[in-house]
Amino acid sequence: MSVSLLTFWTPPTTAQVTVESVPPSVAEGKDVLLSVHNAPGDPIGYGWFRGDTAEPSLQIVSYAVDTQNSTAGPAHSGRETIYPNGSLLFQNISLNDTGYYTVQITNRDIQVEKGTVQLRVFHERSTTGLPVGSIIGIAVGVLVGLALAAALGCLLFHTRTGRASGCCDLRELWRPASTPRHGPASSSASPDSLPSPTTAVPIYQELRHPDTNIYCQIDHKAEMAS
């Protein structure tokens, strides 16, 4: 009978201890809570360590459940506070606090369980979580690109307008000088100052419109002479 009991008995399963950072990513100078989940129901003590192992030299703080006393460890900075449920509060967080943290829970059966969490800290002026140097580099790159694009557009514009004005100048130089309405501006003689055929040769008018009085006088003198 005892054999059958040993055969069918299995030890109770417990959920694995997990730790959550609240918030997941914190700005420099703010506070963050490292919250413990699935802790055993009968713990006798908690211990927090910096890093992913429970190294005694990196212990931040420990807490005894029965006495409700906390003891600062070698890695304690004066900004950490441990709660009775094992959660750890970080105040006035800094960039140097970025990294992994491990909680060690000891229950009454002297069994130890651990949980590790990664703490992410970014500069308070950066809302993207990127380093400030990276953000400045991106901004400078964008400004340089815009400046180059503007310079190229201005160069193309001046190149096209310069060619258009050059063509206009060539058309002005190659216009026929004999065109009355578009003669060169440097010409000293205007069309109005040039002599016309009627003013240059007066006899031209006489040939076109002969004076009948002159012919009459000539005929009268010829009759008297005869």
Protein backbone atom coordinates (compact mmCIF):
# COMPACT_ATOMS: atom_id res chain seq x y z
CA MET A 1 0.00 0.00 0.00
CA SER A 2 2.79 2.36 0.85
CA VAL A 3 4.45 1.57 -2.43
CA SER A 4 1.39 2.60 -4.40
CA LEU A 5 1.20 5.90 -2.52
CA LEU A 6 4.79 6.68 -3.34
CA THR A 7 4.17 5.78 -6.94
CA PHE A 8 1.26 8.15 -7.51
CA TRP A 9 2.41 11.05 -5.32
CA THR A 10 4.02 13.96 -7.16
CA PRO A 11 5.42 17.13 -5.61
CA PRO A 12 3.34 20.28 -6.12
CA THR A 13 4.47 22.52 -8.94
CA THR A 14 5.08 26.20 -8.29
CA ALA A 15 5.17 29.02 -10.78
CA GLN A 16 8.55 30.46 -11.59
CA VAL A 17 9.46 33.76 -9.96
CA THR A 18 9.40 36.68 -12.37
CA VAL A 19 10.33 40.34 -11.97
CA GLU A 20 8.79 43.26 -13.87
CA SER A 21 10.17 46.75 -14.34
CA VAL A 22 7.49 49.43 -13.88
CA PRO A 23 7.76 51.31 -16.18
CA PRO A 24 9.66 49.08 -18.63
CA SER A 25 11.92 51.99 -19.62
CA VAL A 26 12.50 54.88 -17.22
CA ALA A 27 13.84 58.38 -17.75
CA GLU A 28 16.90 59.53 -15.88
CA GLY A 29 15.98 61.20 -12.59
CA LYS A 30 12.67 59.33 -12.23
CA ASP A 31 11.66 56.39 -10.02
CA VAL A 32 11.18 52.76 -11.05
CA LEU A 33 9.72 49.75 -9.24
CA LEU A 34 11.11 46.24 -9.70
CA SER A 35 7.97 44.25 -8.92
CA VAL A 36 8.20 40.57 -7.88
CA HIS A 37 5.58 38.09 -9.17
CA ASN A 38 4.88 34.44 -8.26
CA ALA A 39 6.82 34.57 -5.01
CA PRO A 40 6.46 31.46 -2.76
CA GLY A 41 3.70 31.62 -0.15
CA ASP A 42 5.96 31.16 2.88
CA PRO A 43 9.14 33.19 2.28
CA ILE A 44 11.43 34.01 5.15
CA GLY A 45 13.60 36.51 3.34
CA TYR A 46 14.39 38.44 0.17
CA GLY A 47 17.69 39.61 -1.18
CA TRP A 48 18.40 41.95 -4.12
CA PHE A 49 21.64 41.84 -6.11
CA ARG A 50 23.10 43.84 -8.92
CA GLY A 51 23.74 41.66 -11.96
CA ASP A 52 22.31 38.35 -13.07
CA THR A 53 23.73 36.30 -10.17
CA ALA A 54 23.41 36.43 -6.38
CA GLU A 55 26.97 37.57 -5.68
CA PRO A 56 27.38 38.60 -2.00
CA SER A 57 29.64 41.53 -2.91
CA LEU A 58 26.91 42.88 -5.22
CA GLN A 59 24.05 42.63 -2.72
CA ILE A 60 21.94 45.78 -2.61
CA VAL A 61 19.58 45.04 0.28
CA SER A 62 18.04 42.10 2.17
CA TYR A 63 14.74 41.79 4.02
CA ALA A 64 13.73 39.42 6.83
CA VAL A 65 10.00 38.66 6.82
CA ASP A 66 9.73 37.61 10.47
CA THR A 67 11.46 40.68 11.90
CA GLN A 68 10.46 43.04 9.04
CA ASN A 69 13.96 44.42 9.04
CA SER A 70 15.96 45.43 5.97
CA THR A 71 19.74 45.44 5.79
CA ALA A 72 21.75 47.41 3.25
CA GLY A 73 24.37 45.49 1.29
CA PRO A 74 27.72 46.51 -0.27
CA ALA A 75 26.02 47.70 -3.51
CA HIS A 76 23.42 49.85 -1.74
CA SER A 77 23.46 53.48 -2.96
CA GLY A 78 20.94 54.94 -0.51
CA ARG A 79 18.24 55.20 -3.19
CA GLU A 80 16.84 51.66 -2.93
CA THR A 81 13.90 50.64 -0.74
CA ILE A 82 12.63 47.06 -0.34
CA TYR A 83 8.98 46.25 0.42
CA PRO A 84 7.52 43.31 2.43
CA ASN A 85 6.42 41.60 -0.81
CA GLY A 86 10.01 41.67 -2.06
CA SER A 87 9.61 44.47 -4.64
CA LEU A 88 12.44 47.01 -4.89
CA LEU A 89 11.95 50.75 -5.43
CA PHE A 90 14.68 52.74 -7.17
CA GLN A 91 14.55 56.52 -6.66
CA ASN A 92 16.28 59.20 -8.73
CA ILE A 93 17.48 56.68 -11.27
CA SER A 94 20.64 57.39 -13.28
CA LEU A 95 22.17 56.08 -16.47
CA ASN A 96 24.72 54.14 -14.42
CA ASP A 97 21.86 52.08 -12.97
CA THR A 98 21.16 50.49 -16.35
CA GLY A 99 21.62 46.73 -16.29
CA TYR A 100 20.36 43.46 -14.78
CA TYR A 101 19.06 42.94 -11.23
CA THR A 102 18.35 39.66 -9.44
CA VAL A 103 16.06 38.89 -6.52
CA GLN A 104 16.68 35.82 -4.36
CA ILE A 105 13.79 34.43 -2.30
CA THR A 106 14.31 31.92 0.50
CA ASN A 107 11.31 29.97 1.78
CA ARG A 108 10.83 28.04 5.04
CA ASP A 109 12.05 24.82 3.49
CA ILE A 110 15.36 26.61 2.92
CA GLN A 111 14.75 26.46 -0.79
CA VAL A 112 15.95 29.37 -2.90
CA GLU A 113 14.27 30.81 -5.97
CA LYS A 114 15.57 33.59 -8.18
CA GLY A 115 14.26 36.05 -10.71
CA THR A 116 16.14 38.50 -12.94
CA VAL A 117 15.02 41.69 -14.69
CA GLN A 118 16.69 44.18 -17.00
CA LEU A 119 16.49 47.86 -16.06
CA ARG A 120 16.52 50.30 -18.99
CA VAL A 121 17.32 53.96 -18.33
CA PHE A 122 17.40 56.74 -20.95
CA HIS A 123 18.19 60.44 -20.83
CA GLU A 124 15.25 62.55 -19.68
CA ARG A 125 15.51 64.82 -22.76
CA SER A 126 15.14 61.86 -25.09
CA THR A 127 11.59 60.53 -25.48
CA THR A 128 12.68 57.82 -27.92
CA GLY A 129 15.07 55.98 -25.62
CA LEU A 130 17.97 56.68 -27.99
CA PRO A 131 21.21 58.24 -26.73
CA VAL A 132 21.37 62.01 -27.05
CA GLY A 133 24.46 61.77 -29.27
CA SER A 134 22.59 59.58 -31.74
CA ILE A 135 19.63 61.98 -31.86
CA ILE A 136 21.95 64.96 -32.47
CA GLY A 137 23.76 63.04 -35.21
CA ILE A 138 20.48 62.21 -36.93
CA ALA A 139 19.33 65.85 -36.72
CA VAL A 140 22.64 67.14 -38.14
CA GLY A 141 22.47 64.62 -40.98
CA VAL A 142 18.95 65.73 -41.90
CA LEU A 143 19.95 69.42 -41.88
CA VAL A 144 23.01 68.76 -44.04
CA GLY A 145 20.89 66.81 -46.52
CA LEU A 146 18.37 69.65 -46.76
CA ALA A 147 21.15 72.20 -47.26
CA LEU A 148 22.73 70.16 -50.07
CA ALA A 149 19.35 69.73 -51.76
CA ALA A 150 18.67 73.47 -51.58
CA ALA A 151 22.12 74.30 -52.97
CA LEU A 152 21.67 71.88 -55.86
CA GLY A 153 18.24 73.31 -56.71
CA CYS A 154 19.63 76.86 -56.63
CA LEU A 155 22.52 75.85 -58.91
CA LEU A 156 20.18 74.25 -61.44
CA PHE A 157 17.90 77.29 -61.38
CA HIS A 158 20.76 79.74 -62.04
CA THR A 159 22.16 77.48 -64.75
CA ARG A 160 18.85 77.39 -66.64
CA THR A 161 18.16 81.12 -66.27
CA GLY A 162 21.74 81.93 -67.37
CA ARG A 163 21.32 79.90 -70.56
CA ALA A 164 17.98 81.59 -71.32
CA SER A 165 19.45 85.09 -70.93
CA GLY A 166 22.43 84.14 -73.10
CA CYS A 167 20.10 83.05 -75.90
CA CYS A 168 18.24 86.33 -75.68
CA ASP A 169 21.51 88.26 -75.97
CA LEU A 170 22.53 86.24 -79.04
CA ARG A 171 19.18 86.92 -80.68
CA GLU A 172 19.66 90.66 -80.11
CA LEU A 173 23.15 90.58 -81.65
CA TRP A 174 22.05 88.65 -84.75
CA ARG A 175 19.00 90.78 -85.62
CA PRO A 176 19.21 92.34 -89.16
CA ALA A 177 20.38 95.94 -89.05
CA SER A 178 18.15 96.84 -92.02
CA THR A 179 14.94 96.19 -90.11
CA PRO A 180 13.42 99.67 -89.59
CA ARG A 181 11.63 98.84 -86.33
CA HIS A 182 14.45 96.88 -84.72
CA GLY A 183 17.59 98.76 -85.71
CA PRO A 184 20.63 98.81 -83.43
CA ALA A 185 20.34 101.32 -80.62
CA SER A 186 23.90 102.55 -81.28
CA SER A 187 23.09 103.76 -84.83
CA SER A 188 23.38 107.57 -85.07
CA ALA A 189 21.11 107.92 -88.08
CA SER A 190 17.40 107.31 -87.71
CA PRO A 191 15.04 106.44 -90.55
CA ASP A 192 13.46 109.89 -90.28
CA SER A 193 16.79 111.70 -90.80
CA LEU A 194 17.65 109.86 -94.06
CA PRO A 195 16.87 111.86 -97.25
CA SER A 196 13.90 110.68 -99.25
CA PRO A 197 13.92 110.49 -103.02
CA THR A 198 11.68 113.57 -103.29
CA THR A 199 13.96 115.78 -101.16
CA ALA A 200 17.23 114.52 -102.59
CA VAL A 201 16.27 115.06 -106.21
CA PRO A 202 13.90 118.11 -106.66
CA ILE A 203 13.54 117.55 -110.41
CA TYR A 204 11.74 114.32 -109.60
CA GLN A 205 8.68 116.32 -108.59
CA GLU A 206 8.90 118.46 -111.75
CA LEU A 207 8.95 115.41 -113.92
CA ARG A 208 5.91 113.98 -112.19
CA HIS A 209 3.98 117.29 -112.04
CA PRO A 210 5.23 119.67 -114.78
CA ASP A 211 4.46 123.40 -114.42
CA THR A 212 2.12 124.39 -117.28
CA ASN A 213 2.85 128.15 -116.81
CA ILE A 214 6.43 127.66 -117.80
CA TYR A 215 5.43 125.94 -121.03
CA CYS A 216 2.94 128.70 -121.84
CA GLN A 217 5.60 131.41 -121.42
CA ILE A 218 7.94 129.53 -123.70
CA ASP A 219 5.29 129.25 -126.42
CA HIS A 220 4.43 132.99 -126.17
CA LYS A 221 8.05 134.04 -126.61
CA ALA A 222 8.34 131.79 -129.64
CA GLU A 223 5.34 133.43 -131.33
CA MET A 224 6.70 136.95 -130.80
CA ALA A 225 10.02 135.96 -132.22
CA SER A 226 8.44 134.64 -135.32
